[in-house]
Each structure stands twice: as C-alpha cells, then as structure tokens.
Amino acid sequence: MLILDDFAMRQLGASQADDLYELVSERQGRSLIITSNRAPSDWYPLVVNLPLGNNAIVHRRREADTAVT
C-alpha cells in the first residue's frame, strides 16, 4: 500500500508530473491512498505537464472509491 498524503498542496513541475505518472502506473492493481485538502477536480490546474499528469489522475479515479468531506 502506498499513501500520498497532502497531495496537490502546490503545483507540480514537469519532472514531478513525470514521477507521478511513473509512480501511479507502477501501482496499477495495487492499493494507493491519496489524501488532499483539495477536491480531485482542483488537482488538474496544479499539474504543469497536464497530459501526463491528467492521464495518471484520471486513470486512477476511474478505478477509485472516493470520499470527499
């Protein structure tokens, strides 16, 4: 299980978006917990490499159980 705590606290640079994509891709089929003070829809503007980061976020959200409070 991998936990990304306080995700999307600040903008992700291009290399960080690449790292996020690699990390999420490698976790395919395994547990991943993401906590954030932002709604998932607010994450997209914070990813500089939007196509790559967007792919990582959207792909995992399709498979996710989401709890927004």
C-alpha atoms as a PDB file:
ATOM      1  CA  MET A   1       0.000   0.000   0.000  1.00  0.00           C
ATOM      2  CA  LEU A   2       1.241   3.460  -0.915  1.00  0.00           C
ATOM      3  CA  ILE A   3      -0.145   6.584   0.748  1.00  0.00           C
ATOM      4  CA  LEU A   4       0.280  10.028  -0.828  1.00  0.00           C
ATOM      5  CA  ASP A   5      -0.581  12.421   1.988  1.00  0.00           C
ATOM      6  CA  ASP A   6      -1.425  16.104   1.430  1.00  0.00           C
ATOM      7  CA  PHE A   7      -1.433  15.625  -2.331  1.00  0.00           C
ATOM      8  CA  ALA A   8      -1.707  18.745  -4.517  1.00  0.00           C
ATOM      9  CA  MET A   9      -0.600  21.179  -1.866  1.00  0.00           C
ATOM     10  CA  ARG A  10       1.314  23.081  -4.565  1.00  0.00           C
ATOM     11  CA  GLN A  11       1.868  22.983  -8.300  1.00  0.00           C
ATOM     12  CA  LEU A  12       3.763  20.002  -9.722  1.00  0.00           C
ATOM     13  CA  GLY A  13       6.607  20.761 -12.107  1.00  0.00           C
ATOM     14  CA  ALA A  14       7.171  18.808 -15.309  1.00  0.00           C
ATOM     15  CA  SER A  15       9.596  16.318 -13.742  1.00  0.00           C
ATOM     16  CA  GLN A  16       7.288  15.880 -10.740  1.00  0.00           C
ATOM     17  CA  ALA A  17       4.353  15.144 -13.063  1.00  0.00           C
ATOM     18  CA  ASP A  18       6.544  12.568 -14.830  1.00  0.00           C
ATOM     19  CA  ASP A  19       7.391  10.989 -11.485  1.00  0.00           C
ATOM     20  CA  LEU A  20       3.717  10.935 -10.500  1.00  0.00           C
ATOM     21  CA  TYR A  21       2.795   9.201 -13.736  1.00  0.00           C
ATOM     22  CA  GLU A  22       5.525   6.570 -13.271  1.00  0.00           C
ATOM     23  CA  LEU A  23       4.550   6.000  -9.645  1.00  0.00           C
ATOM     24  CA  VAL A  24       0.841   5.634 -10.370  1.00  0.00           C
ATOM     25  CA  SER A  25       1.465   3.454 -13.420  1.00  0.00           C
ATOM     26  CA  GLU A  26       3.657   1.097 -11.421  1.00  0.00           C
ATOM     27  CA  ARG A  27       0.962   0.832  -8.736  1.00  0.00           C
ATOM     28  CA  GLN A  28      -1.621  -0.466 -11.208  1.00  0.00           C
ATOM     29  CA  GLY A  29      -3.735  -3.102  -9.476  1.00  0.00           C
ATOM     30  CA  ARG A  30      -2.286  -2.314  -6.046  1.00  0.00           C
ATOM     31  CA  SER A  31      -3.520  -0.163  -3.195  1.00  0.00           C
ATOM     32  CA  LEU A  32      -2.986   3.580  -3.410  1.00  0.00           C
ATOM     33  CA  ILE A  33      -4.454   6.086  -0.960  1.00  0.00           C
ATOM     34  CA  ILE A  34      -4.362   9.790  -1.772  1.00  0.00           C
ATOM     35  CA  THR A  35      -5.315  12.389   0.821  1.00  0.00           C
ATOM     36  CA  SER A  36      -5.719  16.052  -0.048  1.00  0.00           C
ATOM     37  CA  ASN A  37      -7.302  19.211   1.249  1.00  0.00           C
ATOM     38  CA  ARG A  38      -8.448  19.920  -2.312  1.00  0.00           C
ATOM     39  CA  ALA A  39     -11.231  18.292  -4.287  1.00  0.00           C
ATOM     40  CA  PRO A  40      -9.931  15.994  -7.044  1.00  0.00           C
ATOM     41  CA  SER A  41     -11.267  18.398  -9.683  1.00  0.00           C
ATOM     42  CA  ASP A  42      -8.910  21.070  -8.266  1.00  0.00           C
ATOM     43  CA  TRP A  43      -5.811  18.912  -8.868  1.00  0.00           C
ATOM     44  CA  TYR A  44      -5.691  19.376 -12.646  1.00  0.00           C
ATOM     45  CA  PRO A  45      -4.556  23.049 -12.748  1.00  0.00           C
ATOM     46  CA  LEU A  46      -1.680  22.153 -10.420  1.00  0.00           C
ATOM     47  CA  VAL A  47      -0.030  19.751 -12.869  1.00  0.00           C
ATOM     48  CA  VAL A  48       2.324  21.545 -15.287  1.00  0.00           C
ATOM     49  CA  ASN A  49       2.666  18.543 -17.617  1.00  0.00           C
ATOM     50  CA  LEU A  50      -1.093  18.271 -17.890  1.00  0.00           C
ATOM     51  CA  PRO A  51      -1.415  15.447 -20.452  1.00  0.00           C
ATOM     52  CA  LEU A  52       0.841  13.141 -18.449  1.00  0.00           C
ATOM     53  CA  GLY A  53      -0.429  14.130 -15.004  1.00  0.00           C
ATOM     54  CA  ASN A  54      -4.006  14.159 -16.206  1.00  0.00           C
ATOM     55  CA  ASN A  55      -3.621  10.628 -17.527  1.00  0.00           C
ATOM     56  CA  ALA A  56      -2.325   9.426 -14.161  1.00  0.00           C
ATOM     57  CA  ILE A  57      -5.089  11.141 -12.189  1.00  0.00           C
ATOM     58  CA  VAL A  58      -7.987  10.240 -14.481  1.00  0.00           C
ATOM     59  CA  HIS A  59      -6.917   6.622 -14.828  1.00  0.00           C
ATOM     60  CA  ARG A  60      -6.804   6.076 -11.064  1.00  0.00           C
ATOM     61  CA  ARG A  61     -10.035   7.995 -10.403  1.00  0.00           C
ATOM     62  CA  ARG A  62     -11.951   5.669 -12.734  1.00  0.00           C
ATOM     63  CA  GLU A  63     -10.987   2.756 -10.513  1.00  0.00           C
ATOM     64  CA  ALA A  64     -11.278   4.607  -7.208  1.00  0.00           C
ATOM     65  CA  ASP A  65     -13.642   4.743  -4.326  1.00  0.00           C
ATOM     66  CA  THR A  66     -13.773   8.422  -3.459  1.00  0.00           C
ATOM     67  CA  ALA A  67     -14.697  10.012  -0.158  1.00  0.00           C
ATOM     68  CA  VAL A  68     -14.895  13.800  -0.222  1.00  0.00           C
ATOM     69  CA  THR A  69     -15.751  15.523   3.029  1.00  0.00           C
END
